[in-house]
Each structure stands twice: as C-alpha cells, then as structure tokens.
Amino acid sequence: MLNVYATLVSLVAVAKNRMEEEKGATAVEYGLLVGLIAVAIIVTVGILGGQLNSLFKTITDALP
C-alpha cells in the first residue's frame, strides 16, 4: 500500500513540473508570435507608408 502511495505522489509531482514547463514554453511562443506580428506591421507601414500619407492628404484636402 505504501508503494502505491509513493508512486501516486511521484506521478503528481512529475505532472506538476511538466505543467509548469509547458507554461514557460507557451509564454515564449506567445512572445515570438507578438514579435512576428510587430515586424509584419512595421514592414507593411514601411512599404505602404507613402501611399497612406497621400491618401490621407487627399481626404484632408477634400474636406471643407
């Protein structure tokens, strides 16, 4: 009976450690995702910046 209890305690400890490791990995994945989205926004604004500026200027000039 003591052996079964020790085994269950060991399994719970391993599962708990495994969950904590996965939380860290998830945080890193979200960090990478946010970084990639930021790079995509910067590149898009860099490429389309001039066109957007002229579009907003045209709209501003059309307003009374």
N, C-alpha and C. Protein backbone atom coordinates (compact mmCIF):
# COMPACT_ATOMS: atom_id res chain seq x y z
N MET A 1 0.83 -1.20 0.00
CA MET A 1 0.00 0.00 0.00
C MET A 1 0.87 1.26 0.00
N LEU A 2 1.95 1.23 0.75
CA LEU A 2 2.85 2.38 0.81
C LEU A 2 3.51 2.63 -0.54
N ASN A 3 3.78 1.56 -1.27
CA ASN A 3 4.39 1.68 -2.58
C ASN A 3 3.46 2.39 -3.57
N VAL A 4 2.18 2.07 -3.52
CA VAL A 4 1.20 2.70 -4.39
C VAL A 4 1.11 4.20 -4.07
N TYR A 5 1.09 4.54 -2.80
CA TYR A 5 1.01 5.94 -2.38
C TYR A 5 2.25 6.71 -2.87
N ALA A 6 3.41 6.13 -2.71
CA ALA A 6 4.66 6.78 -3.15
C ALA A 6 4.65 6.98 -4.66
N THR A 7 4.14 6.02 -5.39
CA THR A 7 4.06 6.12 -6.84
C THR A 7 3.12 7.24 -7.25
N LEU A 8 1.96 7.32 -6.60
CA LEU A 8 1.00 8.38 -6.91
C LEU A 8 1.57 9.76 -6.61
N VAL A 9 2.26 9.89 -5.49
CA VAL A 9 2.86 11.18 -5.14
C VAL A 9 3.91 11.56 -6.18
N SER A 10 4.69 10.59 -6.61
CA SER A 10 5.72 10.85 -7.63
C SER A 10 5.09 11.28 -8.95
N LEU A 11 4.02 10.62 -9.35
CA LEU A 11 3.35 10.97 -10.60
C LEU A 11 2.75 12.37 -10.54
N VAL A 12 2.18 12.73 -9.40
CA VAL A 12 1.61 14.08 -9.25
C VAL A 12 2.72 15.12 -9.33
N ALA A 13 3.85 14.85 -8.70
CA ALA A 13 4.98 15.79 -8.73
C ALA A 13 5.50 15.95 -10.15
N VAL A 14 5.62 14.86 -10.88
CA VAL A 14 6.09 14.93 -12.27
C VAL A 14 5.10 15.69 -13.13
N ALA A 15 3.82 15.44 -12.95
CA ALA A 15 2.80 16.14 -13.73
C ALA A 15 2.82 17.64 -13.43
N LYS A 16 3.00 17.99 -12.18
CA LYS A 16 3.03 19.41 -11.80
C LYS A 16 4.24 20.10 -12.44
N ASN A 17 5.40 19.46 -12.39
CA ASN A 17 6.58 20.04 -13.02
C ASN A 17 6.40 20.17 -14.52
N ARG A 18 5.77 19.19 -15.12
CA ARG A 18 5.54 19.21 -16.56
C ARG A 18 4.63 20.38 -16.96
N MET A 19 3.59 20.62 -16.16
CA MET A 19 2.68 21.73 -16.44
C MET A 19 3.39 23.07 -16.33
N GLU A 20 4.26 23.22 -15.35
CA GLU A 20 4.99 24.47 -15.19
C GLU A 20 5.94 24.70 -16.36
N GLU A 21 6.57 23.64 -16.84
CA GLU A 21 7.45 23.76 -18.00
C GLU A 21 6.67 24.18 -19.24
N GLU A 22 5.47 23.65 -19.41
CA GLU A 22 4.67 24.00 -20.57
C GLU A 22 4.20 25.44 -20.50
N LYS A 23 3.94 25.97 -19.31
CA LYS A 23 3.55 27.37 -19.20
C LYS A 23 4.67 28.27 -19.69
N GLY A 24 5.90 27.94 -19.35
CA GLY A 24 7.04 28.72 -19.81
C GLY A 24 7.19 28.65 -21.32
N ALA A 25 6.99 27.47 -21.88
CA ALA A 25 7.08 27.31 -23.33
C ALA A 25 5.98 28.08 -24.02
N THR A 26 4.80 28.09 -23.46
CA THR A 26 3.68 28.83 -24.04
C THR A 26 3.97 30.32 -24.03
N ALA A 27 4.54 30.82 -22.94
CA ALA A 27 4.87 32.24 -22.87
C ALA A 27 5.90 32.61 -23.93
N VAL A 28 6.87 31.75 -24.16
CA VAL A 28 7.87 32.02 -25.19
C VAL A 28 7.22 32.03 -26.57
N GLU A 29 6.32 31.09 -26.80
CA GLU A 29 5.63 31.04 -28.10
C GLU A 29 4.80 32.30 -28.32
N TYR A 30 4.09 32.75 -27.30
CA TYR A 30 3.31 33.98 -27.45
C TYR A 30 4.22 35.18 -27.67
N GLY A 31 5.36 35.20 -27.01
CA GLY A 31 6.31 36.29 -27.22
C GLY A 31 6.82 36.33 -28.65
N LEU A 32 7.14 35.16 -29.19
CA LEU A 32 7.58 35.09 -30.58
C LEU A 32 6.48 35.53 -31.53
N LEU A 33 5.26 35.12 -31.26
CA LEU A 33 4.14 35.50 -32.10
C LEU A 33 3.93 37.01 -32.10
N VAL A 34 3.99 37.62 -30.93
CA VAL A 34 3.83 39.08 -30.83
C VAL A 34 4.96 39.78 -31.58
N GLY A 35 6.17 39.26 -31.46
CA GLY A 35 7.30 39.84 -32.18
C GLY A 35 7.12 39.77 -33.69
N LEU A 36 6.66 38.63 -34.17
CA LEU A 36 6.44 38.48 -35.62
C LEU A 36 5.33 39.41 -36.12
N ILE A 37 4.28 39.56 -35.33
CA ILE A 37 3.20 40.48 -35.72
C ILE A 37 3.72 41.91 -35.77
N ALA A 38 4.55 42.29 -34.79
CA ALA A 38 5.12 43.64 -34.79
C ALA A 38 5.99 43.87 -36.02
N VAL A 39 6.80 42.89 -36.37
CA VAL A 39 7.64 43.02 -37.57
C VAL A 39 6.78 43.15 -38.81
N ALA A 40 5.71 42.37 -38.91
CA ALA A 40 4.81 42.45 -40.07
C ALA A 40 4.17 43.83 -40.17
N ILE A 41 3.77 44.41 -39.04
CA ILE A 41 3.16 45.74 -39.05
C ILE A 41 4.19 46.78 -39.49
N ILE A 42 5.39 46.70 -38.97
CA ILE A 42 6.43 47.66 -39.32
C ILE A 42 6.76 47.59 -40.81
N VAL A 43 6.89 46.38 -41.34
CA VAL A 43 7.19 46.22 -42.76
C VAL A 43 6.05 46.74 -43.62
N THR A 44 4.82 46.45 -43.24
CA THR A 44 3.66 46.91 -44.01
C THR A 44 3.57 48.43 -44.01
N VAL A 45 3.77 49.04 -42.88
CA VAL A 45 3.71 50.51 -42.81
C VAL A 45 4.87 51.10 -43.61
N GLY A 46 6.03 50.48 -43.55
CA GLY A 46 7.16 50.97 -44.33
C GLY A 46 6.90 50.91 -45.82
N ILE A 47 6.28 49.84 -46.26
CA ILE A 47 6.01 49.68 -47.69
C ILE A 47 4.86 50.58 -48.15
N LEU A 48 3.80 50.64 -47.36
CA LEU A 48 2.61 51.39 -47.77
C LEU A 48 2.54 52.79 -47.18
N GLY A 49 3.56 53.20 -46.45
CA GLY A 49 3.53 54.49 -45.76
C GLY A 49 3.28 55.67 -46.67
N GLY A 50 3.99 55.72 -47.79
CA GLY A 50 3.82 56.84 -48.73
C GLY A 50 2.43 56.87 -49.33
N GLN A 51 1.93 55.72 -49.68
CA GLN A 51 0.59 55.65 -50.27
C GLN A 51 -0.47 56.08 -49.26
N LEU A 52 -0.31 55.63 -48.01
CA LEU A 52 -1.27 56.02 -46.97
C LEU A 52 -1.21 57.52 -46.71
N ASN A 53 -0.01 58.08 -46.73
CA ASN A 53 0.14 59.51 -46.49
C ASN A 53 -0.57 60.31 -47.58
N SER A 54 -0.39 59.91 -48.84
CA SER A 54 -1.05 60.63 -49.93
C SER A 54 -2.56 60.43 -49.88
N LEU A 55 -3.02 59.27 -49.46
CA LEU A 55 -4.45 59.03 -49.33
C LEU A 55 -5.05 59.95 -48.27
N PHE A 56 -4.41 60.03 -47.11
CA PHE A 56 -4.93 60.90 -46.06
C PHE A 56 -4.85 62.37 -46.45
N LYS A 57 -3.83 62.75 -47.21
CA LYS A 57 -3.72 64.14 -47.68
C LYS A 57 -4.87 64.45 -48.64
N THR A 58 -5.18 63.52 -49.53
CA THR A 58 -6.28 63.71 -50.46
C THR A 58 -7.60 63.86 -49.72
N ILE A 59 -7.82 63.04 -48.71
CA ILE A 59 -9.06 63.12 -47.92
C ILE A 59 -9.12 64.44 -47.16
N THR A 60 -8.00 64.84 -46.58
CA THR A 60 -7.96 66.11 -45.84
C THR A 60 -8.23 67.30 -46.76
N ASP A 61 -7.67 67.28 -47.94
CA ASP A 61 -7.89 68.38 -48.89
C ASP A 61 -9.33 68.41 -49.36
N ALA A 62 -10.01 67.27 -49.42
CA ALA A 62 -11.40 67.22 -49.88
C ALA A 62 -12.38 67.70 -48.83
N LEU A 63 -11.98 67.74 -47.58
CA LEU A 63 -12.87 68.19 -46.52
C LEU A 63 -13.00 69.71 -46.55
N PRO A 64 -14.21 70.22 -46.25
CA PRO A 64 -14.40 71.69 -46.26
C PRO A 64 -13.68 72.39 -45.11
